[in-house]
Amino acid sequence: MDAQLIAFIPIAAGMVAVPGADFAVVVRNALASQRAGAASAVGVAGGLLVHTALAVAGLAAVLVAVPALYRTLQLAGGAYVLWLGVRALRSALRTRGTRDGLTGAEDATPPVPGPARALRQGFLTNVLNPKAPVLFLSLLPQFVPAGAAVLPRTLLLAGIVVLLALLWFPLVALLVDGLGRWLRRPRATRAVEGATGGALTLLGAGLLAQPLTH
């Protein structure tokens, strides 16, 4: 294993693990059920696979060359993430209203999405982020040694990113599910729903604001 590849792994791991919309969606769905969290995690990895494939094919360069296309994708991604955030906030408020209005209510957990729906949420949250393919387009070439075959090397780097996502996000889902005894208590549920909803809302609003203000 060469030095550039060794240097790439922690950078890729940090890029995957940094909390963002993907993390928030996995946490929220894992709070509902382990299966939903795991399905969201696989969906996120699927979105990364699309981005890495675009970068390898060079199609990500089109987003850089055509600003209107980039802004359109940014608006679509921002709108979707904002929608998820608003739904999470509404769920947290409904949970609070139910808890305040009923004595001895059952533990308040968010509605349990089916695996297909959770998978779709994870996939769309990731794949509609226009920054991801541009990041891959700028990052991956930095770790292709001079004289090396570009396509096999880029495929290897892209595969590492997807593998790390397949390790990290299911681990997040398992940790959240493992802490479910505490996280599914009414107050904790409201806090997690409110926090993830707030994070998604801010991220979505930020994605929407950038193309509208530039």
N, C-alpha and C. Protein backbone atom coordinates (compact mmCIF):
# COMPACT_ATOMS: atom_id res chain seq x y z
N MET A 1 0.86 -1.20 0.00
CA MET A 1 0.00 0.00 0.00
C MET A 1 0.89 1.24 0.00
N ASP A 2 0.70 2.15 -0.95
CA ASP A 2 1.58 3.30 -1.07
C ASP A 2 1.18 4.42 -0.11
N ALA A 3 2.08 5.39 0.02
CA ALA A 3 1.89 6.46 1.01
C ALA A 3 0.67 7.31 0.69
N GLN A 4 0.42 7.58 -0.58
CA GLN A 4 -0.73 8.40 -0.94
C GLN A 4 -2.05 7.72 -0.57
N LEU A 5 -2.11 6.42 -0.76
CA LEU A 5 -3.32 5.68 -0.41
C LEU A 5 -3.53 5.68 1.11
N ILE A 6 -2.44 5.52 1.85
CA ILE A 6 -2.53 5.56 3.31
C ILE A 6 -3.02 6.93 3.78
N ALA A 7 -2.52 7.98 3.12
CA ALA A 7 -2.93 9.34 3.50
C ALA A 7 -4.39 9.59 3.13
N PHE A 8 -4.87 8.95 2.07
CA PHE A 8 -6.23 9.19 1.62
C PHE A 8 -7.27 8.62 2.59
N ILE A 9 -6.98 7.49 3.21
CA ILE A 9 -7.97 6.79 4.03
C ILE A 9 -8.49 7.65 5.19
N PRO A 10 -7.62 8.27 6.03
CA PRO A 10 -8.17 9.11 7.10
C PRO A 10 -8.91 10.34 6.59
N ILE A 11 -8.47 10.88 5.46
CA ILE A 11 -9.18 12.04 4.88
C ILE A 11 -10.58 11.61 4.44
N ALA A 12 -10.66 10.47 3.77
CA ALA A 12 -11.96 9.96 3.33
C ALA A 12 -12.84 9.62 4.52
N ALA A 13 -12.23 9.04 5.56
CA ALA A 13 -13.00 8.69 6.76
C ALA A 13 -13.58 9.94 7.42
N GLY A 14 -12.77 10.99 7.50
CA GLY A 14 -13.26 12.24 8.08
C GLY A 14 -14.37 12.85 7.24
N MET A 15 -14.23 12.75 5.92
CA MET A 15 -15.24 13.30 5.01
C MET A 15 -16.57 12.55 5.18
N VAL A 16 -16.50 11.25 5.38
CA VAL A 16 -17.72 10.44 5.55
C VAL A 16 -18.35 10.67 6.92
N ALA A 17 -17.50 10.77 7.96
CA ALA A 17 -18.00 10.81 9.33
C ALA A 17 -18.48 12.18 9.78
N VAL A 18 -18.08 13.24 9.06
CA VAL A 18 -18.47 14.59 9.50
C VAL A 18 -19.99 14.70 9.55
N PRO A 19 -20.57 15.14 10.68
CA PRO A 19 -22.04 15.20 10.78
C PRO A 19 -22.64 16.16 9.75
N GLY A 20 -23.70 15.73 9.15
CA GLY A 20 -24.40 16.53 8.15
C GLY A 20 -25.79 15.96 7.95
N ALA A 21 -26.35 16.24 6.78
CA ALA A 21 -27.71 15.77 6.50
C ALA A 21 -27.79 14.24 6.51
N ASP A 22 -26.78 13.57 5.95
CA ASP A 22 -26.77 12.11 5.94
C ASP A 22 -26.83 11.56 7.37
N PHE A 23 -25.98 12.10 8.22
CA PHE A 23 -25.92 11.66 9.62
C PHE A 23 -27.26 11.88 10.31
N ALA A 24 -27.85 13.04 10.09
CA ALA A 24 -29.12 13.37 10.75
C ALA A 24 -30.24 12.42 10.31
N VAL A 25 -30.29 12.09 9.02
CA VAL A 25 -31.33 11.20 8.53
C VAL A 25 -31.17 9.79 9.09
N VAL A 26 -29.92 9.31 9.14
CA VAL A 26 -29.67 7.97 9.69
C VAL A 26 -30.04 7.92 11.17
N VAL A 27 -29.66 8.95 11.92
CA VAL A 27 -29.98 8.98 13.36
C VAL A 27 -31.48 9.00 13.57
N ARG A 28 -32.17 9.85 12.83
CA ARG A 28 -33.63 9.97 13.02
C ARG A 28 -34.33 8.65 12.71
N ASN A 29 -33.96 8.00 11.62
CA ASN A 29 -34.62 6.75 11.26
C ASN A 29 -34.19 5.60 12.18
N ALA A 30 -32.95 5.63 12.65
CA ALA A 30 -32.50 4.59 13.59
C ALA A 30 -33.23 4.72 14.91
N LEU A 31 -33.62 5.94 15.27
CA LEU A 31 -34.40 6.13 16.48
C LEU A 31 -35.77 5.46 16.37
N ALA A 32 -36.30 5.42 15.15
CA ALA A 32 -37.58 4.75 14.92
C ALA A 32 -37.42 3.24 14.95
N SER A 33 -36.38 2.73 14.26
CA SER A 33 -36.11 1.29 14.29
C SER A 33 -34.72 1.02 13.73
N GLN A 34 -34.13 -0.09 14.16
CA GLN A 34 -32.79 -0.46 13.68
C GLN A 34 -32.82 -0.71 12.18
N ARG A 35 -33.88 -1.37 11.69
CA ARG A 35 -33.98 -1.66 10.25
C ARG A 35 -34.05 -0.38 9.43
N ALA A 36 -34.82 0.59 9.92
CA ALA A 36 -34.94 1.85 9.19
C ALA A 36 -33.61 2.59 9.17
N GLY A 37 -32.90 2.57 10.30
CA GLY A 37 -31.60 3.22 10.35
C GLY A 37 -30.60 2.56 9.41
N ALA A 38 -30.58 1.22 9.42
CA ALA A 38 -29.66 0.50 8.54
C ALA A 38 -30.00 0.73 7.07
N ALA A 39 -31.31 0.78 6.75
CA ALA A 39 -31.72 1.02 5.37
C ALA A 39 -31.30 2.42 4.92
N SER A 40 -31.43 3.41 5.80
CA SER A 40 -30.99 4.76 5.48
C SER A 40 -29.48 4.79 5.24
N ALA A 41 -28.75 4.04 6.06
CA ALA A 41 -27.29 3.97 5.92
C ALA A 41 -26.90 3.41 4.56
N VAL A 42 -27.58 2.35 4.14
CA VAL A 42 -27.31 1.76 2.82
C VAL A 42 -27.68 2.76 1.72
N GLY A 43 -28.77 3.50 1.93
CA GLY A 43 -29.17 4.51 0.95
C GLY A 43 -28.12 5.59 0.79
N VAL A 44 -27.55 6.04 1.91
CA VAL A 44 -26.48 7.04 1.86
C VAL A 44 -25.28 6.51 1.07
N ALA A 45 -24.91 5.26 1.36
CA ALA A 45 -23.79 4.65 0.63
C ALA A 45 -24.10 4.55 -0.86
N GLY A 46 -25.37 4.25 -1.19
CA GLY A 46 -25.77 4.21 -2.59
C GLY A 46 -25.63 5.56 -3.27
N GLY A 47 -25.99 6.64 -2.53
CA GLY A 47 -25.81 7.98 -3.07
C GLY A 47 -24.34 8.29 -3.31
N LEU A 48 -23.49 7.90 -2.37
CA LEU A 48 -22.05 8.10 -2.55
C LEU A 48 -21.53 7.32 -3.74
N LEU A 49 -22.08 6.14 -3.96
CA LEU A 49 -21.67 5.34 -5.12
C LEU A 49 -21.99 6.07 -6.41
N VAL A 50 -23.15 6.72 -6.46
CA VAL A 50 -23.51 7.52 -7.64
C VAL A 50 -22.53 8.66 -7.84
N HIS A 51 -22.22 9.37 -6.74
CA HIS A 51 -21.30 10.51 -6.84
C HIS A 51 -19.91 10.08 -7.30
N THR A 52 -19.42 8.98 -6.73
CA THR A 52 -18.10 8.52 -7.11
C THR A 52 -18.08 8.05 -8.56
N ALA A 53 -19.18 7.42 -9.00
CA ALA A 53 -19.26 7.00 -10.40
C ALA A 53 -19.25 8.21 -11.33
N LEU A 54 -19.96 9.27 -10.94
CA LEU A 54 -19.97 10.49 -11.74
C LEU A 54 -18.58 11.10 -11.82
N ALA A 55 -17.89 11.09 -10.68
CA ALA A 55 -16.54 11.66 -10.66
C ALA A 55 -15.60 10.85 -11.54
N VAL A 56 -15.70 9.52 -11.44
CA VAL A 56 -14.86 8.66 -12.25
C VAL A 56 -15.14 8.87 -13.74
N ALA A 57 -16.42 9.03 -14.08
CA ALA A 57 -16.79 9.22 -15.48
C ALA A 57 -16.50 10.62 -15.98
N GLY A 58 -16.17 11.53 -15.06
CA GLY A 58 -15.90 12.90 -15.46
C GLY A 58 -17.15 13.76 -15.59
N LEU A 59 -18.32 13.17 -15.29
CA LEU A 59 -19.56 13.92 -15.45
C LEU A 59 -19.70 15.01 -14.39
N ALA A 60 -19.01 14.85 -13.26
CA ALA A 60 -19.09 15.88 -12.23
C ALA A 60 -18.54 17.20 -12.73
N ALA A 61 -17.63 17.12 -13.71
CA ALA A 61 -17.07 18.36 -14.27
C ALA A 61 -18.15 19.20 -14.93
N VAL A 62 -19.21 18.55 -15.40
CA VAL A 62 -20.30 19.28 -16.04
C VAL A 62 -20.97 20.23 -15.04
N LEU A 63 -21.08 19.78 -13.78
CA LEU A 63 -21.68 20.63 -12.75
C LEU A 63 -20.86 21.90 -12.53
N VAL A 64 -19.55 21.77 -12.67
CA VAL A 64 -18.68 22.92 -12.51
C VAL A 64 -18.77 23.83 -13.72
N ALA A 65 -18.87 23.22 -14.90
CA ALA A 65 -18.87 23.99 -16.14
C ALA A 65 -20.22 24.65 -16.43
N VAL A 66 -21.31 24.08 -15.90
CA VAL A 66 -22.65 24.61 -16.16
C VAL A 66 -23.26 25.06 -14.84
N PRO A 67 -23.07 26.33 -14.47
CA PRO A 67 -23.56 26.81 -13.17
C PRO A 67 -25.07 26.64 -12.99
N ALA A 68 -25.84 26.79 -14.06
CA ALA A 68 -27.31 26.68 -13.94
C ALA A 68 -27.70 25.27 -13.50
N LEU A 69 -27.00 24.26 -14.02
CA LEU A 69 -27.29 22.88 -13.64
C LEU A 69 -26.94 22.64 -12.18
N TYR A 70 -25.80 23.19 -11.79
CA TYR A 70 -25.38 23.06 -10.39
C TYR A 70 -26.41 23.71 -9.45
N ARG A 71 -26.86 24.91 -9.81
CA ARG A 71 -27.83 25.61 -8.96
C ARG A 71 -29.16 24.86 -8.90
N THR A 72 -29.56 24.27 -10.03
CA THR A 72 -30.81 23.51 -10.05
C THR A 72 -30.75 22.32 -9.11
N LEU A 73 -29.64 21.59 -9.17
CA LEU A 73 -29.46 20.44 -8.28
C LEU A 73 -29.37 20.89 -6.83
N GLN A 74 -28.73 22.03 -6.60
CA GLN A 74 -28.61 22.55 -5.25
C GLN A 74 -29.98 22.93 -4.69
N LEU A 75 -30.81 23.53 -5.51
CA LEU A 75 -32.16 23.89 -5.08
C LEU A 75 -32.99 22.64 -4.76
N ALA A 76 -32.88 21.63 -5.63
CA ALA A 76 -33.63 20.39 -5.41
C ALA A 76 -33.17 19.71 -4.13
N GLY A 77 -31.86 19.63 -3.92
CA GLY A 77 -31.34 19.01 -2.71
C GLY A 77 -31.71 19.79 -1.47
N GLY A 78 -31.61 21.12 -1.55
CA GLY A 78 -31.97 21.95 -0.40
C GLY A 78 -33.44 21.80 -0.04
N ALA A 79 -34.30 21.77 -1.06
CA ALA A 79 -35.74 21.64 -0.81
C ALA A 79 -36.06 20.30 -0.15
N TYR A 80 -35.40 19.23 -0.60
CA TYR A 80 -35.67 17.92 -0.03
C TYR A 80 -35.19 17.84 1.42
N VAL A 81 -33.98 18.32 1.69
CA VAL A 81 -33.45 18.28 3.06
C VAL A 81 -34.30 19.17 3.97
N LEU A 82 -34.71 20.34 3.47
CA LEU A 82 -35.57 21.23 4.26
C LEU A 82 -36.89 20.55 4.58
N TRP A 83 -37.46 19.85 3.61
CA TRP A 83 -38.72 19.13 3.83
C TRP A 83 -38.57 18.07 4.91
N LEU A 84 -37.44 17.32 4.87
CA LEU A 84 -37.20 16.32 5.92
C LEU A 84 -37.08 16.99 7.28
N GLY A 85 -36.41 18.14 7.34
CA GLY A 85 -36.23 18.83 8.60
C GLY A 85 -37.54 19.33 9.17
N VAL A 86 -38.38 19.91 8.32
CA VAL A 86 -39.68 20.40 8.78
C VAL A 86 -40.54 19.25 9.28
N ARG A 87 -40.50 18.11 8.59
CA ARG A 87 -41.26 16.94 9.04
C ARG A 87 -40.79 16.49 10.41
N ALA A 88 -39.46 16.48 10.62
CA ALA A 88 -38.93 16.05 11.92
C ALA A 88 -39.35 17.02 13.02
N LEU A 89 -39.32 18.32 12.74
CA LEU A 89 -39.73 19.31 13.74
C LEU A 89 -41.22 19.17 14.05
N ARG A 90 -42.02 18.96 13.03
CA ARG A 90 -43.46 18.78 13.25
C ARG A 90 -43.71 17.53 14.09
N SER A 91 -42.94 16.46 13.83
CA SER A 91 -43.10 15.24 14.61
C SER A 91 -42.74 15.48 16.07
N ALA A 92 -41.67 16.27 16.31
CA ALA A 92 -41.27 16.57 17.68
C ALA A 92 -42.35 17.38 18.39
N LEU A 93 -42.96 18.33 17.69
CA LEU A 93 -44.02 19.16 18.29
C LEU A 93 -45.27 18.33 18.56
N ARG A 94 -45.61 17.41 17.63
CA ARG A 94 -46.78 16.55 17.84
C ARG A 94 -46.55 15.66 19.05
N THR A 95 -45.32 15.13 19.15
CA THR A 95 -44.97 14.26 20.28
C THR A 95 -45.14 15.01 21.59
N ARG A 96 -44.69 16.27 21.61
CA ARG A 96 -44.81 17.07 22.83
C ARG A 96 -46.27 17.32 23.18
N GLY A 97 -47.07 17.63 22.15
CA GLY A 97 -48.49 17.88 22.38
C GLY A 97 -49.20 16.65 22.90
N THR A 98 -48.86 15.50 22.34
CA THR A 98 -49.48 14.25 22.78
C THR A 98 -49.08 13.94 24.21
N ARG A 99 -47.81 14.13 24.50
CA ARG A 99 -47.32 13.82 25.85
C ARG A 99 -47.93 14.76 26.89
N ASP A 100 -48.05 16.05 26.51
CA ASP A 100 -48.61 17.02 27.45
C ASP A 100 -50.10 16.81 27.66
N GLY A 101 -50.78 16.24 26.65
CA GLY A 101 -52.22 16.10 26.73
C GLY A 101 -52.69 14.78 27.29
N LEU A 102 -51.79 13.79 27.39
CA LEU A 102 -52.19 12.47 27.86
C LEU A 102 -51.31 12.04 29.01
N THR A 103 -51.90 11.66 30.09
CA THR A 103 -51.14 11.18 31.24
C THR A 103 -50.79 9.71 31.03
N GLY A 104 -49.49 9.42 31.27
CA GLY A 104 -49.06 8.03 31.12
C GLY A 104 -49.02 7.59 29.68
N ALA A 105 -48.80 8.50 28.75
CA ALA A 105 -48.70 8.12 27.34
C ALA A 105 -47.53 7.19 27.14
N GLU A 106 -47.61 6.40 26.11
CA GLU A 106 -46.53 5.47 25.81
C GLU A 106 -45.31 6.24 25.37
N ASP A 107 -44.15 5.56 25.41
CA ASP A 107 -42.92 6.18 24.93
C ASP A 107 -43.15 6.74 23.54
N ALA A 108 -42.70 7.97 23.35
CA ALA A 108 -42.95 8.65 22.08
C ALA A 108 -41.81 8.37 21.13
N THR A 109 -42.08 7.62 20.11
CA THR A 109 -41.10 7.36 19.07
C THR A 109 -41.62 7.92 17.77
N PRO A 110 -40.70 8.39 16.89
CA PRO A 110 -41.16 8.91 15.63
C PRO A 110 -41.81 7.82 14.81
N PRO A 111 -42.69 8.17 13.85
CA PRO A 111 -43.31 7.15 13.00
C PRO A 111 -42.25 6.28 12.35
N VAL A 112 -42.49 4.98 12.33
CA VAL A 112 -41.49 4.04 11.81
C VAL A 112 -41.61 3.95 10.29
N PRO A 113 -40.60 4.45 9.56
CA PRO A 113 -40.65 4.32 8.10
C PRO A 113 -40.28 2.90 7.70
N GLY A 114 -40.89 2.41 6.61
CA GLY A 114 -40.51 1.09 6.11
C GLY A 114 -39.10 1.13 5.55
N PRO A 115 -38.45 -0.04 5.43
CA PRO A 115 -37.07 -0.06 4.91
C PRO A 115 -36.93 0.61 3.55
N ALA A 116 -37.91 0.42 2.67
CA ALA A 116 -37.82 1.03 1.33
C ALA A 116 -37.84 2.55 1.43
N ARG A 117 -38.72 3.06 2.27
CA ARG A 117 -38.82 4.52 2.43
C ARG A 117 -37.56 5.07 3.08
N ALA A 118 -37.05 4.39 4.10
CA ALA A 118 -35.83 4.84 4.77
C ALA A 118 -34.64 4.79 3.82
N LEU A 119 -34.58 3.73 3.00
CA LEU A 119 -33.52 3.62 2.00
C LEU A 119 -33.59 4.80 1.02
N ARG A 120 -34.80 5.11 0.58
CA ARG A 120 -34.99 6.22 -0.36
C ARG A 120 -34.59 7.55 0.26
N GLN A 121 -34.93 7.75 1.53
CA GLN A 121 -34.57 9.00 2.19
C GLN A 121 -33.06 9.16 2.28
N GLY A 122 -32.36 8.09 2.67
CA GLY A 122 -30.90 8.16 2.75
C GLY A 122 -30.27 8.41 1.39
N PHE A 123 -30.79 7.73 0.39
CA PHE A 123 -30.24 7.87 -0.97
C PHE A 123 -30.44 9.27 -1.51
N LEU A 124 -31.67 9.78 -1.41
CA LEU A 124 -31.98 11.10 -1.97
C LEU A 124 -31.27 12.21 -1.21
N THR A 125 -31.16 12.07 0.10
CA THR A 125 -30.45 13.09 0.89
C THR A 125 -29.02 13.23 0.41
N ASN A 126 -28.38 12.11 0.11
CA ASN A 126 -26.99 12.15 -0.34
C ASN A 126 -26.87 12.52 -1.81
N VAL A 127 -27.66 11.88 -2.65
CA VAL A 127 -27.46 12.04 -4.09
C VAL A 127 -27.85 13.43 -4.57
N LEU A 128 -28.74 14.13 -3.83
CA LEU A 128 -29.15 15.47 -4.24
C LEU A 128 -28.23 16.57 -3.70
N ASN A 129 -27.16 16.17 -3.06
CA ASN A 129 -26.17 17.14 -2.58
C ASN A 129 -25.17 17.43 -3.69
N PRO A 130 -25.23 18.60 -4.33
CA PRO A 130 -24.36 18.86 -5.48
C PRO A 130 -22.90 19.08 -5.10
N LYS A 131 -22.65 19.31 -3.81
CA LYS A 131 -21.27 19.54 -3.39
C LYS A 131 -20.45 18.25 -3.42
N ALA A 132 -21.13 17.11 -3.25
CA ALA A 132 -20.43 15.83 -3.17
C ALA A 132 -19.67 15.50 -4.45
N PRO A 133 -20.29 15.53 -5.64
CA PRO A 133 -19.52 15.20 -6.84
C PRO A 133 -18.40 16.18 -7.11
N VAL A 134 -18.62 17.46 -6.79
CA VAL A 134 -17.56 18.45 -7.00
C VAL A 134 -16.40 18.17 -6.05
N LEU A 135 -16.73 17.76 -4.81
CA LEU A 135 -15.68 17.42 -3.84
C LEU A 135 -14.88 16.22 -4.33
N PHE A 136 -15.57 15.19 -4.81
CA PHE A 136 -14.87 14.02 -5.33
C PHE A 136 -14.01 14.40 -6.53
N LEU A 137 -14.54 15.25 -7.39
CA LEU A 137 -13.81 15.65 -8.60
C LEU A 137 -12.52 16.37 -8.24
N SER A 138 -12.55 17.16 -7.16
CA SER A 138 -11.36 17.91 -6.76
C SER A 138 -10.43 17.08 -5.87
N LEU A 139 -11.00 16.13 -5.12
CA LEU A 139 -10.20 15.37 -4.15
C LEU A 139 -9.50 14.16 -4.75
N LEU A 140 -10.24 13.34 -5.48
CA LEU A 140 -9.68 12.08 -5.96
C LEU A 140 -8.41 12.25 -6.80
N PRO A 141 -8.36 13.21 -7.74
CA PRO A 141 -7.14 13.34 -8.55
C PRO A 141 -5.89 13.65 -7.74
N GLN A 142 -6.06 14.22 -6.53
CA GLN A 142 -4.89 14.55 -5.71
C GLN A 142 -4.15 13.30 -5.24
N PHE A 143 -4.83 12.16 -5.29
CA PHE A 143 -4.24 10.92 -4.78
C PHE A 143 -3.99 9.89 -5.89
N VAL A 144 -3.88 10.40 -7.10
CA VAL A 144 -3.49 9.56 -8.23
C VAL A 144 -2.03 9.87 -8.54
N PRO A 145 -1.11 8.95 -8.26
CA PRO A 145 0.31 9.23 -8.49
C PRO A 145 0.61 9.50 -9.96
N ALA A 146 1.62 10.29 -10.20
CA ALA A 146 2.04 10.59 -11.57
C ALA A 146 2.42 9.30 -12.28
N GLY A 147 1.90 9.14 -13.47
CA GLY A 147 2.22 7.96 -14.27
C GLY A 147 1.33 6.76 -13.99
N ALA A 148 0.47 6.84 -12.96
CA ALA A 148 -0.42 5.72 -12.63
C ALA A 148 -1.62 5.71 -13.57
N ALA A 149 -2.20 4.53 -13.76
CA ALA A 149 -3.42 4.42 -14.57
C ALA A 149 -4.55 5.11 -13.82
N VAL A 150 -5.13 6.13 -14.44
CA VAL A 150 -6.08 7.00 -13.73
C VAL A 150 -7.36 6.25 -13.36
N LEU A 151 -7.96 5.53 -14.30
CA LEU A 151 -9.25 4.90 -14.05
C LEU A 151 -9.21 3.87 -12.93
N PRO A 152 -8.28 2.88 -12.96
CA PRO A 152 -8.25 1.91 -11.87
C PRO A 152 -7.98 2.56 -10.51
N ARG A 153 -7.10 3.55 -10.49
CA ARG A 153 -6.75 4.21 -9.23
C ARG A 153 -7.96 4.98 -8.68
N THR A 154 -8.65 5.70 -9.56
CA THR A 154 -9.81 6.47 -9.13
C THR A 154 -10.92 5.55 -8.65
N LEU A 155 -11.11 4.42 -9.32
CA LEU A 155 -12.10 3.44 -8.89
C LEU A 155 -11.76 2.90 -7.51
N LEU A 156 -10.47 2.67 -7.25
CA LEU A 156 -10.04 2.18 -5.94
C LEU A 156 -10.35 3.21 -4.87
N LEU A 157 -10.02 4.48 -5.12
CA LEU A 157 -10.29 5.55 -4.15
C LEU A 157 -11.79 5.69 -3.90
N ALA A 158 -12.56 5.64 -4.98
CA ALA A 158 -14.01 5.75 -4.84
C ALA A 158 -14.57 4.58 -4.05
N GLY A 159 -14.03 3.38 -4.29
CA GLY A 159 -14.48 2.20 -3.56
C GLY A 159 -14.19 2.31 -2.06
N ILE A 160 -13.06 2.93 -1.72
CA ILE A 160 -12.72 3.12 -0.31
C ILE A 160 -13.75 4.03 0.37
N VAL A 161 -14.14 5.10 -0.33
CA VAL A 161 -15.12 6.03 0.24
C VAL A 161 -16.45 5.32 0.51
N VAL A 162 -16.92 4.55 -0.47
CA VAL A 162 -18.19 3.84 -0.32
C VAL A 162 -18.09 2.80 0.79
N LEU A 163 -16.97 2.09 0.87
CA LEU A 163 -16.77 1.09 1.92
C LEU A 163 -16.79 1.73 3.30
N LEU A 164 -16.14 2.87 3.43
CA LEU A 164 -16.14 3.57 4.72
C LEU A 164 -17.56 3.99 5.11
N ALA A 165 -18.34 4.43 4.12
CA ALA A 165 -19.73 4.81 4.40
C ALA A 165 -20.54 3.60 4.84
N LEU A 166 -20.28 2.45 4.21
CA LEU A 166 -21.00 1.23 4.56
C LEU A 166 -20.62 0.73 5.96
N LEU A 167 -19.46 1.14 6.44
CA LEU A 167 -19.05 0.79 7.80
C LEU A 167 -19.56 1.81 8.81
N TRP A 168 -19.44 3.09 8.48
CA TRP A 168 -19.74 4.14 9.44
C TRP A 168 -21.23 4.31 9.72
N PHE A 169 -22.03 4.47 8.67
CA PHE A 169 -23.44 4.79 8.88
C PHE A 169 -24.23 3.63 9.51
N PRO A 170 -24.00 2.37 9.12
CA PRO A 170 -24.66 1.28 9.88
C PRO A 170 -24.22 1.24 11.34
N LEU A 171 -22.94 1.61 11.60
CA LEU A 171 -22.47 1.67 12.99
C LEU A 171 -23.24 2.74 13.76
N VAL A 172 -23.46 3.89 13.13
CA VAL A 172 -24.25 4.95 13.77
C VAL A 172 -25.66 4.44 14.08
N ALA A 173 -26.26 3.73 13.11
CA ALA A 173 -27.61 3.19 13.31
C ALA A 173 -27.63 2.20 14.47
N LEU A 174 -26.61 1.36 14.56
CA LEU A 174 -26.55 0.37 15.65
C LEU A 174 -26.37 1.05 17.01
N LEU A 175 -25.53 2.09 17.05
CA LEU A 175 -25.31 2.80 18.31
C LEU A 175 -26.59 3.49 18.78
N VAL A 176 -27.29 4.12 17.84
CA VAL A 176 -28.54 4.79 18.21
C VAL A 176 -29.56 3.77 18.69
N ASP A 177 -29.64 2.64 17.97
CA ASP A 177 -30.59 1.60 18.38
C ASP A 177 -30.19 1.01 19.72
N GLY A 178 -28.87 0.85 19.95
CA GLY A 178 -28.40 0.31 21.23
C GLY A 178 -28.72 1.21 22.40
N LEU A 179 -28.77 2.51 22.13
CA LEU A 179 -29.12 3.47 23.18
C LEU A 179 -30.62 3.76 23.20
N GLY A 180 -31.37 2.94 22.47
CA GLY A 180 -32.80 3.18 22.31
C GLY A 180 -33.56 3.25 23.61
N ARG A 181 -33.11 2.48 24.61
CA ARG A 181 -33.81 2.49 25.90
C ARG A 181 -33.90 3.90 26.48
N TRP A 182 -32.81 4.67 26.27
CA TRP A 182 -32.79 6.04 26.78
C TRP A 182 -33.29 7.03 25.73
N LEU A 183 -32.87 6.82 24.48
CA LEU A 183 -33.23 7.77 23.43
C LEU A 183 -34.71 7.75 23.09
N ARG A 184 -35.40 6.62 23.39
CA ARG A 184 -36.82 6.53 23.07
C ARG A 184 -37.72 7.00 24.22
N ARG A 185 -37.12 7.47 25.28
CA ARG A 185 -37.92 8.10 26.31
C ARG A 185 -38.50 9.39 25.73
N PRO A 186 -39.70 9.76 26.16
CA PRO A 186 -40.38 10.92 25.54
C PRO A 186 -39.52 12.16 25.42
N ARG A 187 -38.87 12.55 26.53
CA ARG A 187 -38.07 13.78 26.47
C ARG A 187 -36.87 13.63 25.54
N ALA A 188 -36.21 12.46 25.61
CA ALA A 188 -35.06 12.23 24.74
C ALA A 188 -35.49 12.19 23.28
N THR A 189 -36.63 11.56 23.02
CA THR A 189 -37.14 11.49 21.65
C THR A 189 -37.40 12.88 21.09
N ARG A 190 -38.05 13.71 21.90
CA ARG A 190 -38.32 15.07 21.45
C ARG A 190 -37.01 15.81 21.18
N ALA A 191 -36.03 15.60 22.06
CA ALA A 191 -34.74 16.29 21.90
C ALA A 191 -34.04 15.86 20.61
N VAL A 192 -34.02 14.53 20.37
CA VAL A 192 -33.36 14.03 19.15
C VAL A 192 -34.11 14.48 17.91
N GLU A 193 -35.44 14.36 17.94
CA GLU A 193 -36.25 14.80 16.80
C GLU A 193 -36.05 16.29 16.54
N GLY A 194 -36.07 17.07 17.62
CA GLY A 194 -35.88 18.51 17.46
C GLY A 194 -34.49 18.85 16.95
N ALA A 195 -33.46 18.17 17.49
CA ALA A 195 -32.09 18.44 17.07
C ALA A 195 -31.85 18.05 15.61
N THR A 196 -32.28 16.83 15.23
CA THR A 196 -32.08 16.42 13.84
C THR A 196 -32.94 17.24 12.89
N GLY A 197 -34.17 17.56 13.33
CA GLY A 197 -35.03 18.39 12.50
C GLY A 197 -34.44 19.78 12.31
N GLY A 198 -33.91 20.35 13.40
CA GLY A 198 -33.29 21.67 13.30
C GLY A 198 -32.06 21.64 12.41
N ALA A 199 -31.24 20.58 12.54
CA ALA A 199 -30.04 20.47 11.71
C ALA A 199 -30.40 20.35 10.24
N LEU A 200 -31.37 19.49 9.94
CA LEU A 200 -31.78 19.31 8.55
C LEU A 200 -32.39 20.59 7.99
N THR A 201 -33.18 21.28 8.80
CA THR A 201 -33.80 22.52 8.34
C THR A 201 -32.74 23.56 8.02
N LEU A 202 -31.74 23.70 8.89
CA LEU A 202 -30.67 24.67 8.66
C LEU A 202 -29.84 24.29 7.43
N LEU A 203 -29.53 22.99 7.29
CA LEU A 203 -28.75 22.55 6.14
C LEU A 203 -29.52 22.78 4.84
N GLY A 204 -30.82 22.44 4.85
CA GLY A 204 -31.64 22.65 3.67
C GLY A 204 -31.78 24.12 3.32
N ALA A 205 -32.00 24.96 4.35
CA ALA A 205 -32.11 26.40 4.11
C ALA A 205 -30.81 26.96 3.56
N GLY A 206 -29.68 26.44 4.06
CA GLY A 206 -28.39 26.89 3.55
C GLY A 206 -28.19 26.52 2.09
N LEU A 207 -28.57 25.31 1.73
CA LEU A 207 -28.46 24.89 0.33
C LEU A 207 -29.35 25.73 -0.57
N LEU A 208 -30.54 26.07 -0.08
CA LEU A 208 -31.44 26.90 -0.88
C LEU A 208 -30.95 28.33 -0.99
N ALA A 209 -30.35 28.83 0.09
CA ALA A 209 -29.94 30.24 0.11
C ALA A 209 -28.77 30.51 -0.82
N GLN A 210 -27.85 29.56 -0.94
CA GLN A 210 -26.64 29.81 -1.72
C GLN A 210 -26.93 30.15 -3.18
N PRO A 211 -27.71 29.34 -3.91
CA PRO A 211 -27.97 29.71 -5.31
C PRO A 211 -28.86 30.94 -5.46
N LEU A 212 -29.67 31.23 -4.44
CA LEU A 212 -30.59 32.36 -4.54
C LEU A 212 -29.91 33.68 -4.23
N THR A 213 -28.78 33.63 -3.52
CA THR A 213 -28.10 34.85 -3.12
C THR A 213 -26.82 35.11 -3.91
N HIS A 214 -26.53 34.24 -4.86
CA HIS A 214 -25.32 34.43 -5.69
C HIS A 214 -25.70 34.62 -7.14
